[in-house]
Amino acid sequence: MRNKILMICFLGYILLTGCMDDKTNLNYKDIVLPDTVIITNIEDQERFYLHENTIDARFKVTAGDELQLDLEVKYNGDDELTYEWRMDGKVISTEQNLRHVFTEGGNGQLFIYRKNAGNATIYGFLVEIRRPFSTGIVVLGKSNGVTQMDFVERYWEKKNVELDGRLYSNFSVTEYIPHENVYPLYNDGEELGQEPVEISRITGLAPNPDDRYSALQILDRDWRKSVAVNSEDMKKIVSMKDEFVGEPTNLIPVNFESIGALSLLLDESGKIYTRVNYDAGNPNTGRFILEPLIFDDPYDMPDKGSEEIKAERVTAKDQLAIIYEKERKWLLVMTASNGYYQSYDYYAVHALSRPSNIANLPAGFIPLDNFDKEIYSILFHESFFNEYIYVIYKDGSDFYIQTFELNTVLYTAEHSISYKAVSNLKLPADAARLIEQGHGLVKIAMDKRYNDFMYVGAGKALYSMSMEGTAISKIHEFTEEGNMKDFVITATWRGDGNNAAQRYFNGRVFGAIFDNGDFRVLKLYDDPQKPGEVQKHYWVNKNFDGGAVALYYY
């Protein structure tokens, strides 16, 4: 297979160079050829000896990084030499040494001209692009009046490492590599909108499952400036102004959620617009329906028919979304097809009127169709999908966490759903203070022993606590930053529970943004030489002078 690939590249190179202008047609009777041509890759100091009309050098470059090649030519003739670097026929430099930022790979050619002869000798090389966007942290912020989208790549490779006199062979070491302001780099200098709101991730569906792709939806308060980009290469797929069937009135996006094959766009007024993420191979992630989402309450008397949903909150995961209508004091559940058992545009909105265990409700459980408390958070599990939904709410000066279990039937012609009341617990006063201080900045994930824990951002610190609000532990407190606006727990989190090498080389990594514009990606780790002390390493330590807006991890 490798030989076939090399042959295809060489044939492509021959076809390409065969189409050059006349000055590349060599007259060997009039030319003294360079004796030796050497390219040195500055990054790793690897040297390549080039031969005419062959591909002798291959360079792998991270998209968006600068490739730096130094050229050494040993030449016995009298002519002055000039140089031309080309990629797929396009001139990218006329300097002797190449300095070029690559976002696309391809066939490269180095032309060495002799001034008096007017001809060139041609040498081939290949540039391969390493895409850094498969997994990591994406952040929106504003600097110097411009919206920026940074990506922090989660990168790992197998290494032989030594720690405290012990060799760990073929050990997976994880690093987090920042790539700044990636959107204009891959979109011909185009800038994002000036009022960024949120980042979400969606799946673009296609007739062939192999053609499905993931995209990032970047919301802007001016909905026309909102864009979707392919999360593999950060290239724009479509602007939201091209996605609506008609023009919505006074739309100001505040949230965007994916559910099955659908996307839900929440307007500031509480309206929800729906879109099918189906493109049939075209560069478009679907079309929003101009009419907002409606629901017909099957239990209202007298029957009011279908009415527009006016949501305060929408939270979604996989094929489920929880919709909270504060005015009507109820929680609704929306289920949507993923394209396998129903049509792509199938969805259903369900009332949560009677729990299956209504005859044996847990003490204090509040019916979900008459929820008249102040909700701070509606939570799914961060690490994986399960049927439990958690609602953190305030009643007077006290905080509670109420849990219910959804039982769904999603693999028949029509969806159906029921729920079971699980628990209602009053949180201890110290846990309540942290949740209130962080304005409900709570996420549920696993600790290093695979137990479910709540993680709370409050003030300058990140805390963990049990699902009952006990066993509170301060994971880390920042000192110079502002108050935490959001945080993400990465996949490099439970590594400190395995062995000394995991605790040292990988540690626990999380990202956070703050209300003063700071953005941090921090590794907490243990050093065997400093027992009992948690060490820290900043993978990213940055400030957006116009504010950090949104954070997302995938």
Protein backbone atom coordinates (compact mmCIF):
# COMPACT_ATOMS: atom_id res chain seq x y z
CA MET A 1 0.00 0.00 0.00
CA ARG A 2 2.84 2.39 0.87
CA ASN A 3 4.48 1.80 -2.51
CA LYS A 4 1.20 2.49 -4.28
CA ILE A 5 0.78 5.79 -2.43
CA LEU A 6 4.33 6.84 -3.30
CA MET A 7 3.78 5.94 -6.95
CA ILE A 8 0.55 7.98 -7.09
CA CYS A 9 2.31 10.99 -5.51
CA PHE A 10 5.22 10.68 -7.95
CA LEU A 11 2.91 10.45 -10.98
CA GLY A 12 0.99 13.48 -9.71
CA TYR A 13 4.27 15.33 -9.35
CA ILE A 14 5.35 14.44 -12.90
CA LEU A 15 1.99 15.56 -14.35
CA LEU A 16 2.14 18.82 -12.42
CA THR A 17 5.71 19.75 -13.34
CA GLY A 18 5.05 18.80 -16.94
CA CYS A 19 2.56 21.68 -17.17
CA MET A 20 5.02 24.42 -16.08
CA ASP A 21 6.10 27.31 -18.32
CA ASP A 22 8.98 27.05 -20.82
CA LYS A 23 11.66 28.24 -18.44
CA THR A 24 11.43 24.87 -16.63
CA ASN A 25 12.37 22.91 -19.77
CA LEU A 26 16.00 22.10 -19.17
CA ASN A 27 18.79 22.37 -21.76
CA TYR A 28 21.54 20.32 -20.17
CA LYS A 29 24.14 21.48 -22.74
CA ASP A 30 24.03 25.01 -21.33
CA ILE A 31 23.67 24.31 -17.59
CA VAL A 32 25.95 23.35 -14.75
CA LEU A 33 23.64 21.63 -12.25
CA PRO A 34 23.95 22.14 -8.49
CA ASP A 35 26.20 19.48 -7.02
CA THR A 36 24.25 19.05 -3.78
CA VAL A 37 20.89 20.36 -2.55
CA ILE A 38 20.08 19.89 1.16
CA ILE A 39 16.93 20.88 3.04
CA THR A 40 17.02 21.08 6.84
CA ASN A 41 13.79 21.06 8.84
CA ILE A 42 14.45 23.60 11.59
CA GLU A 43 11.99 21.97 14.01
CA ASP A 44 13.86 18.68 14.37
CA GLN A 45 17.09 19.44 12.42
CA GLU A 46 16.46 16.52 10.08
CA ARG A 47 18.37 16.87 6.79
CA PHE A 48 17.14 15.75 3.37
CA TYR A 49 19.35 15.37 0.28
CA LEU A 50 17.31 16.20 -2.83
CA HIS A 51 17.64 14.81 -6.34
CA GLU A 52 16.21 16.29 -9.49
CA ASN A 53 12.65 15.28 -10.45
CA THR A 54 12.18 12.99 -7.44
CA ILE A 55 10.36 13.29 -4.12
CA ASP A 56 13.04 12.96 -1.47
CA ALA A 57 11.54 14.86 1.49
CA ARG A 58 8.27 14.57 3.38
CA PHE A 59 7.20 16.99 6.07
CA LYS A 60 4.31 16.55 8.51
CA VAL A 61 2.99 19.87 9.74
CA THR A 62 0.25 20.73 12.22
CA ALA A 63 -2.36 22.76 10.39
CA GLY A 64 -1.76 26.42 11.08
CA ASP A 65 1.88 26.02 12.11
CA GLU A 66 4.80 27.48 10.19
CA LEU A 67 7.07 25.07 8.32
CA GLN A 68 10.66 26.33 8.47
CA LEU A 69 13.08 24.86 5.94
CA ASP A 70 16.66 26.00 5.46
CA LEU A 71 18.15 25.37 2.03
CA GLU A 72 21.84 24.67 1.37
CA VAL A 73 23.04 24.53 -2.25
CA LYS A 74 26.56 23.55 -3.24
CA TYR A 75 27.12 24.88 -6.77
CA ASN A 76 30.28 25.03 -8.88
CA GLY A 77 28.97 27.28 -11.64
CA ASP A 78 29.27 31.06 -12.07
CA ASP A 79 25.57 31.89 -12.43
CA GLU A 80 23.66 33.65 -9.68
CA LEU A 81 21.03 31.31 -8.27
CA THR A 82 17.45 32.29 -7.48
CA TYR A 83 14.76 30.20 -5.83
CA GLU A 84 11.06 29.53 -6.07
CA TRP A 85 8.98 27.35 -3.76
CA ARG A 86 5.66 26.11 -5.10
CA MET A 87 2.76 24.13 -3.65
CA ASP A 88 0.53 22.42 -6.21
CA GLY A 89 1.76 24.86 -8.84
CA LYS A 90 1.26 28.04 -6.77
CA VAL A 91 4.31 30.12 -5.79
CA ILE A 92 4.49 30.49 -1.99
CA SER A 93 8.00 31.95 -1.59
CA THR A 94 10.95 33.27 -3.59
CA GLU A 95 13.40 33.28 -0.68
CA GLN A 96 16.18 30.76 -0.36
CA ASN A 97 14.84 29.53 3.00
CA LEU A 98 11.17 28.65 3.28
CA ARG A 99 8.96 30.08 6.04
CA HIS A 100 5.31 29.29 5.36
CA VAL A 101 2.14 28.58 7.36
CA PHE A 102 0.34 25.55 5.95
CA THR A 103 -3.34 24.74 6.32
CA GLU A 104 -3.42 22.28 3.40
CA GLY A 105 -1.00 19.59 2.34
CA GLY A 106 0.06 18.68 -1.17
CA ASN A 107 2.92 18.32 -3.65
CA GLY A 108 5.73 20.84 -3.32
CA GLN A 109 8.40 21.82 -5.81
CA LEU A 110 11.64 23.70 -5.30
CA PHE A 111 12.82 25.53 -8.45
CA ILE A 112 16.47 26.59 -8.59
CA TYR A 113 17.14 29.04 -11.45
CA ARG A 114 20.48 30.04 -12.97
CA LYS A 115 20.30 33.68 -13.95
CA ASN A 116 22.07 33.50 -17.32
CA ALA A 117 20.62 30.14 -18.37
CA GLY A 118 17.02 31.10 -17.64
CA ASN A 119 16.20 27.53 -16.83
CA ALA A 120 15.47 25.70 -13.59
CA THR A 121 16.24 22.46 -11.86
CA ILE A 122 13.21 21.04 -10.05
CA TYR A 123 13.16 19.09 -6.79
CA GLY A 124 10.07 17.53 -5.22
CA PHE A 125 8.81 17.25 -1.66
CA LEU A 126 5.53 16.43 0.09
CA VAL A 127 3.70 18.27 2.88
CA GLU A 128 1.28 16.28 5.00
CA ILE A 129 -1.11 18.04 7.37
CA ARG A 130 -1.79 16.86 10.88
CA ARG A 131 -5.30 17.97 11.91
CA PRO A 132 -5.24 19.01 15.57
CA PHE A 133 -8.97 19.41 16.09
CA SER A 134 -10.23 15.88 16.83
CA THR A 135 -10.47 16.43 20.59
CA GLY A 136 -9.77 19.31 22.93
CA ILE A 137 -11.05 22.57 24.40
CA VAL A 138 -12.50 25.37 22.28
CA VAL A 139 -12.93 28.85 23.76
CA LEU A 140 -14.51 32.09 22.53
CA GLY A 141 -13.20 35.45 23.66
CA LYS A 142 -12.56 39.00 22.50
CA SER A 143 -9.13 40.62 22.14
CA ASN A 144 -8.35 44.01 20.62
CA GLY A 145 -12.01 44.35 19.63
CA VAL A 146 -11.99 41.11 17.61
CA THR A 147 -13.74 37.84 18.43
CA GLN A 148 -11.27 34.99 18.65
CA MET A 149 -11.78 31.25 18.78
CA ASP A 150 -8.86 29.34 20.27
CA PHE A 151 -8.49 25.58 20.27
CA VAL A 152 -6.45 23.64 22.82
CA GLU A 153 -5.62 20.27 21.33
CA ARG A 154 -5.54 17.17 23.51
CA TYR A 155 -2.59 15.26 22.07
CA TRP A 156 -1.07 12.01 23.27
CA GLU A 157 1.65 9.67 22.13
CA LYS A 158 3.39 6.57 23.38
CA LYS A 159 6.79 7.17 24.98
CA ASN A 160 9.33 5.40 27.13
CA VAL A 161 9.50 7.49 30.31
CA GLU A 162 11.38 7.17 33.57
CA LEU A 163 10.15 8.26 36.97
CA ASP A 164 11.82 7.77 40.33
CA GLY A 165 14.19 5.17 38.89
CA ARG A 166 11.48 3.11 37.20
CA LEU A 167 11.10 2.75 33.43
CA TYR A 168 7.57 2.88 31.95
CA SER A 169 7.66 1.49 28.41
CA ASN A 170 5.18 2.53 25.73
CA PHE A 171 3.48 4.88 28.18
CA SER A 172 0.74 7.22 26.88
CA VAL A 173 1.68 10.82 27.70
CA THR A 174 -0.96 13.52 27.17
CA GLU A 175 -0.27 17.14 26.35
CA TYR A 176 -2.52 20.13 25.65
CA ILE A 177 -1.34 22.25 22.73
CA PRO A 178 -2.86 25.72 22.17
CA HIS A 179 -3.80 26.97 18.68
CA GLU A 180 -4.82 30.62 18.74
CA ASN A 181 -7.51 32.35 16.68
CA VAL A 182 -8.08 29.42 14.34
CA TYR A 183 -11.24 30.62 12.56
CA PRO A 184 -9.74 33.29 10.23
CA LEU A 185 -6.72 31.08 9.56
CA TYR A 186 -8.91 28.47 7.85
CA ASN A 187 -11.50 30.83 6.37
CA ASP A 188 -9.47 33.23 4.20
CA GLY A 189 -9.16 35.86 6.95
CA GLU A 190 -12.90 36.11 7.63
CA GLU A 191 -13.72 37.24 11.18
CA LEU A 192 -16.39 35.98 13.54
CA GLY A 193 -19.30 38.15 14.69
CA GLN A 194 -18.70 40.86 17.28
CA GLU A 195 -21.16 39.63 19.93
CA PRO A 196 -20.34 35.97 20.57
CA VAL A 197 -22.71 34.04 22.82
CA GLU A 198 -22.09 30.30 22.88
CA ILE A 199 -20.39 27.25 21.34
CA SER A 200 -22.10 23.89 20.81
CA ARG A 201 -21.29 20.75 18.85
CA ILE A 202 -23.63 19.06 16.40
CA THR A 203 -23.58 16.11 14.01
CA GLY A 204 -24.20 16.67 10.31
CA LEU A 205 -26.13 13.72 8.94
CA ALA A 206 -25.89 12.28 5.44
CA PRO A 207 -27.38 9.32 3.51
CA ASN A 208 -24.13 7.41 3.93
CA PRO A 209 -23.21 7.07 7.63
CA ASP A 210 -19.53 7.30 6.67
CA ASP A 211 -20.17 10.85 5.41
CA ARG A 212 -21.44 12.12 8.74
CA TYR A 213 -19.34 14.82 10.33
CA SER A 214 -19.23 16.89 13.50
CA ALA A 215 -19.58 20.65 13.48
CA LEU A 216 -19.22 23.48 15.95
CA GLN A 217 -22.08 25.99 16.07
CA ILE A 218 -20.82 29.44 17.06
CA LEU A 219 -23.67 31.68 18.18
CA ASP A 220 -23.71 35.46 17.93
CA ARG A 221 -26.35 37.86 19.27
CA ASP A 222 -26.69 38.98 15.68
CA TRP A 223 -28.04 35.64 14.48
CA ARG A 224 -26.97 36.34 10.90
CA LYS A 225 -23.34 36.31 12.06
CA SER A 226 -23.67 32.89 13.70
CA VAL A 227 -21.74 30.21 11.79
CA ALA A 228 -21.22 26.46 11.77
CA VAL A 229 -17.70 25.11 11.17
CA ASN A 230 -16.49 21.59 10.55
CA SER A 231 -14.79 20.55 13.78
CA GLU A 232 -12.21 18.50 11.86
CA ASP A 233 -10.69 21.44 10.00
CA MET A 234 -12.45 24.59 11.37
CA LYS A 235 -13.68 25.56 7.90
CA LYS A 236 -17.03 27.31 7.73
CA ILE A 237 -19.91 25.17 6.56
CA VAL A 238 -22.66 27.78 6.53
CA SER A 239 -23.81 31.03 8.14
CA MET A 240 -27.07 31.00 10.05
CA LYS A 241 -28.47 33.68 7.74
CA ASP A 242 -28.54 30.97 5.07
CA GLU A 243 -30.16 28.41 7.34
CA PHE A 244 -33.56 29.91 8.10
CA VAL A 245 -36.66 29.32 6.02
CA GLY A 246 -37.75 32.95 6.08
CA GLU A 247 -36.60 35.65 8.51
CA PRO A 248 -37.32 35.28 12.25
CA THR A 249 -38.49 38.45 14.01
CA ASN A 250 -36.09 39.98 16.55
CA LEU A 251 -34.17 36.75 17.06
CA ILE A 252 -31.42 36.96 19.68
CA PRO A 253 -29.83 33.52 20.26
CA VAL A 254 -28.92 32.61 23.83
CA ASN A 255 -28.46 28.83 23.66
CA PHE A 256 -28.02 26.01 21.15
CA GLU A 257 -28.52 22.32 21.90
CA SER A 258 -28.32 19.14 19.82
CA ILE A 259 -30.85 16.36 20.31
CA GLY A 260 -30.74 13.32 18.05
CA ALA A 261 -30.78 14.55 14.46
CA LEU A 262 -32.18 17.94 15.50
CA SER A 263 -30.80 21.19 16.78
CA LEU A 264 -32.67 23.53 19.10
CA LEU A 265 -32.01 27.28 18.98
CA LEU A 266 -33.26 29.14 22.06
CA ASP A 267 -34.22 32.77 21.56
CA GLU A 268 -33.95 35.42 24.27
CA SER A 269 -37.77 35.60 24.30
CA GLY A 270 -38.02 31.87 25.11
CA LYS A 271 -38.99 30.71 21.62
CA ILE A 272 -37.32 27.54 20.36
CA TYR A 273 -36.52 27.07 16.67
CA THR A 274 -35.78 23.58 15.34
CA ARG A 275 -33.51 22.39 12.56
CA VAL A 276 -32.76 18.98 11.07
CA ASN A 277 -29.00 18.43 10.82
CA TYR A 278 -29.30 16.72 7.45
CA ASP A 279 -27.38 17.91 4.42
CA ALA A 280 -27.67 15.13 1.79
CA GLY A 281 -24.04 15.79 0.91
CA ASN A 282 -24.45 19.53 0.39
CA PRO A 283 -22.40 22.06 2.39
CA ASN A 284 -25.27 22.94 4.68
CA THR A 285 -26.24 21.62 8.10
CA GLY A 286 -29.98 21.91 7.49
CA ARG A 287 -32.71 24.55 7.58
CA PHE A 288 -34.34 26.13 10.59
CA ILE A 289 -38.12 26.13 10.68
CA LEU A 290 -39.44 29.67 11.04
CA GLU A 291 -42.35 28.64 13.26
CA PRO A 292 -41.28 28.20 16.91
CA LEU A 293 -41.72 24.92 18.75
CA ILE A 294 -45.24 24.29 20.06
CA PHE A 295 -46.83 21.90 22.56
CA ASP A 296 -50.38 20.73 23.08
CA ASP A 297 -50.95 19.90 26.74
CA PRO A 298 -52.98 16.68 26.76
CA TYR A 299 -54.28 17.39 30.26
CA ASP A 300 -55.42 21.04 30.09
CA MET A 301 -59.09 21.72 30.74
CA PRO A 302 -60.55 23.34 28.76
CA ASP A 303 -58.36 22.33 25.84
CA LYS A 304 -56.29 25.30 24.63
CA GLY A 305 -54.82 23.46 21.66
CA SER A 306 -51.17 23.90 20.66
CA GLU A 307 -49.28 26.85 22.15
CA GLU A 308 -45.79 28.26 21.65
CA ILE A 309 -43.27 27.04 24.18
CA LYS A 310 -41.63 29.89 26.11
CA ALA A 311 -38.58 28.26 27.67
CA GLU A 312 -36.28 29.65 30.31
CA ARG A 313 -33.85 26.73 30.07
CA VAL A 314 -33.06 23.98 27.58
CA THR A 315 -30.58 21.21 28.39
CA ALA A 316 -29.95 18.27 26.05
CA LYS A 317 -27.91 15.11 25.68
CA ASP A 318 -28.11 12.39 23.04
CA GLN A 319 -31.81 12.02 22.11
CA LEU A 320 -33.27 13.85 25.11
CA ALA A 321 -33.85 17.51 25.95
CA ILE A 322 -35.30 18.95 29.15
CA ILE A 323 -37.28 22.16 28.61
CA TYR A 324 -38.24 24.35 31.57
CA GLU A 325 -41.11 26.81 31.19
CA LYS A 326 -41.00 29.05 34.24
CA GLU A 327 -44.29 30.80 33.43
CA ARG A 328 -46.17 27.49 33.30
CA LYS A 329 -44.15 25.98 36.14
CA TRP A 330 -43.40 22.73 34.37
CA LEU A 331 -40.65 20.65 32.85
CA LEU A 332 -41.18 19.07 29.45
CA VAL A 333 -39.16 16.36 27.74
CA MET A 334 -38.39 16.39 24.04
CA THR A 335 -37.18 13.28 22.24
CA ALA A 336 -35.82 13.25 18.68
CA SER A 337 -34.89 10.66 16.10
CA ASN A 338 -31.26 9.93 15.34
CA GLY A 339 -32.23 8.80 11.84
CA TYR A 340 -32.16 5.06 12.43
CA TYR A 341 -35.69 4.12 13.53
CA GLN A 342 -37.76 7.11 12.40
CA SER A 343 -37.38 9.83 9.80
CA TYR A 344 -34.69 12.42 10.47
CA ASP A 345 -37.25 15.13 11.28
CA TYR A 346 -39.26 13.08 13.78
CA TYR A 347 -39.54 14.41 17.31
CA ALA A 348 -42.06 14.44 20.16
CA VAL A 349 -42.63 16.72 23.15
CA HIS A 350 -43.87 14.96 26.28
CA ALA A 351 -45.56 16.19 29.44
CA LEU A 352 -44.27 14.88 32.77
CA SER A 353 -47.57 14.71 34.60
CA ARG A 354 -47.55 11.61 36.80
CA PRO A 355 -44.50 9.67 37.98
CA SER A 356 -44.77 5.90 37.72
CA ASN A 357 -44.34 5.62 41.51
CA ILE A 358 -46.88 8.31 42.40
CA ALA A 359 -48.26 6.13 45.17
CA ASN A 360 -44.86 6.02 46.85
CA LEU A 361 -43.21 9.38 46.22
CA PRO A 362 -39.93 10.22 47.99
CA ALA A 363 -40.33 12.76 50.78
CA GLY A 364 -40.37 16.33 49.50
CA PHE A 365 -40.49 15.41 45.81
CA ILE A 366 -42.00 18.25 43.75
CA PRO A 367 -44.22 17.21 40.80
CA LEU A 368 -42.54 18.13 37.51
CA ASP A 369 -45.77 19.54 36.08
CA ASN A 370 -46.06 22.03 38.95
CA PHE A 371 -42.48 23.04 39.65
CA ASP A 372 -42.77 26.48 41.24
CA LYS A 373 -39.23 26.79 42.64
CA GLU A 374 -36.20 28.80 41.45
CA ILE A 375 -34.11 26.44 39.29
CA TYR A 376 -30.34 26.95 39.32
CA SER A 377 -29.25 23.97 37.20
CA ILE A 378 -30.68 21.06 35.19
CA LEU A 379 -27.97 18.45 34.80
CA PHE A 380 -27.16 15.38 32.77
CA HIS A 381 -24.11 13.30 33.61
CA GLU A 382 -20.99 14.78 31.97
CA SER A 383 -19.07 11.52 31.52
CA PHE A 384 -21.72 9.35 29.89
CA PHE A 385 -25.44 9.14 29.26
CA ASN A 386 -27.76 7.69 31.86
CA GLU A 387 -31.45 8.07 32.56
CA TYR A 388 -31.07 10.21 35.68
CA ILE A 389 -31.80 13.94 35.50
CA TYR A 390 -30.78 16.24 38.35
CA VAL A 391 -32.49 19.54 39.19
CA ILE A 392 -30.82 21.92 41.64
CA TYR A 393 -33.26 24.52 42.92
CA LYS A 394 -33.68 27.09 45.68
CA ASP A 395 -36.62 27.27 48.06
CA GLY A 396 -36.38 30.26 50.37
CA SER A 397 -32.79 30.26 51.60
CA ASP A 398 -32.31 26.50 51.18
CA PHE A 399 -30.99 24.53 48.22
CA TYR A 400 -32.16 21.09 47.12
CA ILE A 401 -31.21 18.51 44.51
CA GLN A 402 -34.11 16.57 43.05
CA THR A 403 -33.49 13.48 40.93
CA PHE A 404 -35.83 11.72 38.55
CA GLU A 405 -35.35 8.81 36.17
CA LEU A 406 -36.59 8.86 32.58
CA ASN A 407 -37.73 5.64 30.96
CA THR A 408 -37.79 6.08 27.19
CA VAL A 409 -38.95 4.00 24.25
CA LEU A 410 -37.13 5.42 21.23
CA TYR A 411 -36.87 2.44 18.86
CA THR A 412 -40.48 2.14 17.71
CA ALA A 413 -42.49 4.13 15.17
CA GLU A 414 -43.39 6.67 17.86
CA HIS A 415 -41.51 7.68 21.00
CA SER A 416 -43.01 7.26 24.44
CA ILE A 417 -41.73 8.26 27.85
CA SER A 418 -42.44 7.93 31.54
CA TYR A 419 -40.60 9.01 34.64
CA LYS A 420 -39.92 7.81 38.14
CA ALA A 421 -39.37 10.07 41.14
CA VAL A 422 -36.02 9.10 42.68
CA SER A 423 -35.12 11.52 45.47
CA ASN A 424 -35.29 15.03 46.87
CA LEU A 425 -32.45 16.04 49.18
CA LYS A 426 -31.79 19.25 51.04
CA LEU A 427 -28.17 20.25 50.53
CA PRO A 428 -26.01 21.18 53.53
CA ALA A 429 -25.50 24.89 54.15
CA ASP A 430 -21.84 24.94 53.04
CA ALA A 431 -22.71 23.17 49.75
CA ALA A 432 -25.62 25.59 49.23
CA ARG A 433 -23.34 28.60 49.73
CA LEU A 434 -20.94 27.38 47.04
CA ILE A 435 -23.72 26.70 44.53
CA GLU A 436 -25.24 30.13 45.14
CA GLN A 437 -21.84 31.83 44.93
CA GLY A 438 -21.23 30.14 41.57
CA HIS A 439 -24.75 30.93 40.30
CA GLY A 440 -25.43 27.26 39.63
CA LEU A 441 -22.14 26.49 37.89
CA VAL A 442 -22.36 22.76 38.62
CA LYS A 443 -21.44 19.67 36.59
CA ILE A 444 -21.71 15.97 37.35
CA ALA A 445 -18.82 13.67 36.47
CA MET A 446 -16.77 10.86 37.96
CA ASP A 447 -13.97 11.16 40.45
CA LYS A 448 -10.76 9.16 40.26
CA ARG A 449 -12.49 6.12 41.77
CA TYR A 450 -15.35 6.26 39.25
CA ASN A 451 -17.88 7.59 41.74
CA ASP A 452 -20.37 10.26 40.69
CA PHE A 453 -19.50 13.66 42.09
CA MET A 454 -20.71 17.21 41.68
CA TYR A 455 -18.10 19.72 40.59
CA VAL A 456 -18.84 23.34 41.48
CA GLY A 457 -17.18 26.52 40.22
CA ALA A 458 -17.51 29.22 42.91
CA GLY A 459 -15.54 32.43 43.04
CA LYS A 460 -11.94 31.70 42.11
CA ALA A 461 -12.05 28.00 43.03
CA LEU A 462 -13.18 24.61 41.75
CA TYR A 463 -14.70 22.24 44.30
CA SER A 464 -15.96 18.68 44.35
CA MET A 465 -18.67 17.23 46.59
CA SER A 466 -20.75 14.10 46.84
CA MET A 467 -24.17 13.91 45.23
CA GLU A 468 -25.60 14.65 48.69
CA GLY A 469 -23.51 17.82 49.03
CA THR A 470 -21.11 16.31 51.57
CA ALA A 471 -17.38 15.50 51.40
CA ILE A 472 -16.61 18.95 50.00
CA SER A 473 -13.06 19.29 48.71
CA LYS A 474 -11.35 22.32 47.19
CA ILE A 475 -9.62 21.02 44.07
CA HIS A 476 -7.81 24.24 43.26
CA GLU A 477 -8.12 27.93 44.07
CA PHE A 478 -6.77 30.50 41.65
CA THR A 479 -5.28 33.70 43.03
CA GLU A 480 -4.94 36.34 40.32
CA GLU A 481 -7.93 35.45 38.17
CA GLY A 482 -11.48 36.82 38.42
CA ASN A 483 -14.57 34.79 39.33
CA MET A 484 -15.10 31.57 37.41
CA LYS A 485 -17.68 31.77 34.58
CA ASP A 486 -17.42 28.22 33.27
CA PHE A 487 -15.20 25.17 33.48
CA VAL A 488 -14.72 21.85 31.67
CA ILE A 489 -13.51 18.55 33.06
CA THR A 490 -11.32 16.87 30.42
CA ALA A 491 -10.73 13.19 29.72
CA THR A 492 -7.37 13.64 31.49
CA TRP A 493 -9.03 13.68 34.88
CA ARG A 494 -9.08 10.27 36.49
CA GLY A 495 -5.42 9.53 35.68
CA ASP A 496 -4.33 10.35 39.22
CA GLY A 497 -6.04 7.19 40.43
CA ASN A 498 -3.94 4.66 38.50
CA ASN A 499 -0.21 4.78 39.19
CA ALA A 500 2.62 7.17 39.97
CA ALA A 501 3.42 7.74 36.29
CA GLN A 502 -0.19 8.68 35.52
CA ARG A 503 -0.29 11.03 38.48
CA TYR A 504 2.96 12.68 37.41
CA PHE A 505 2.96 12.81 33.60
CA ASN A 506 -0.78 13.22 32.95
CA GLY A 507 -2.33 14.29 36.23
CA ARG A 508 -5.79 15.93 36.23
CA VAL A 509 -6.55 18.58 33.62
CA PHE A 510 -9.41 21.06 33.53
CA GLY A 511 -10.09 24.32 31.72
CA ALA A 512 -11.79 27.45 33.06
CA ILE A 513 -12.73 30.96 31.99
CA PHE A 514 -13.17 33.93 34.33
CA ASP A 515 -15.13 37.16 34.38
CA ASN A 516 -11.95 39.25 33.96
CA GLY A 517 -11.18 37.55 30.61
CA ASP A 518 -8.69 35.00 31.92
CA PHE A 519 -8.54 31.55 30.32
CA ARG A 520 -6.66 28.71 31.97
CA VAL A 521 -5.96 25.08 31.16
CA LEU A 522 -4.37 23.63 34.26
CA LYS A 523 -2.72 20.31 35.03
CA LEU A 524 -2.64 19.22 38.67
CA TYR A 525 -0.13 16.45 39.33
CA ASP A 526 1.87 14.62 42.00
CA ASP A 527 5.65 14.65 42.15
CA PRO A 528 7.17 11.68 44.03
CA GLN A 529 9.98 13.98 45.13
CA LYS A 530 7.45 16.29 46.84
CA PRO A 531 5.00 14.00 48.65
CA GLY A 532 1.79 15.55 49.94
CA GLU A 533 2.06 18.61 47.66
CA VAL A 534 -0.16 19.05 44.59
CA GLN A 535 1.89 20.51 41.75
CA LYS A 536 0.48 22.61 38.92
CA HIS A 537 1.41 23.22 35.31
CA TYR A 538 -0.40 25.69 33.04
CA TRP A 539 -0.97 24.35 29.54
CA VAL A 540 -2.69 27.68 28.76
CA ASN A 541 -2.41 30.93 30.71
CA LYS A 542 -4.08 33.67 28.68
CA ASN A 543 -6.24 36.77 29.01
CA PHE A 544 -8.84 38.03 26.54
CA ASP A 545 -8.84 41.79 27.12
CA GLY A 546 -12.42 42.04 25.86
CA GLY A 547 -13.67 39.14 27.96
CA ALA A 548 -13.82 35.34 27.79
CA VAL A 549 -17.28 34.32 26.58
CA ALA A 550 -17.76 30.57 26.19
CA LEU A 551 -15.99 27.27 26.72
CA TYR A 552 -16.61 23.81 25.26
CA TYR A 553 -14.83 20.46 25.46
CA TYR A 554 -15.17 17.46 23.17
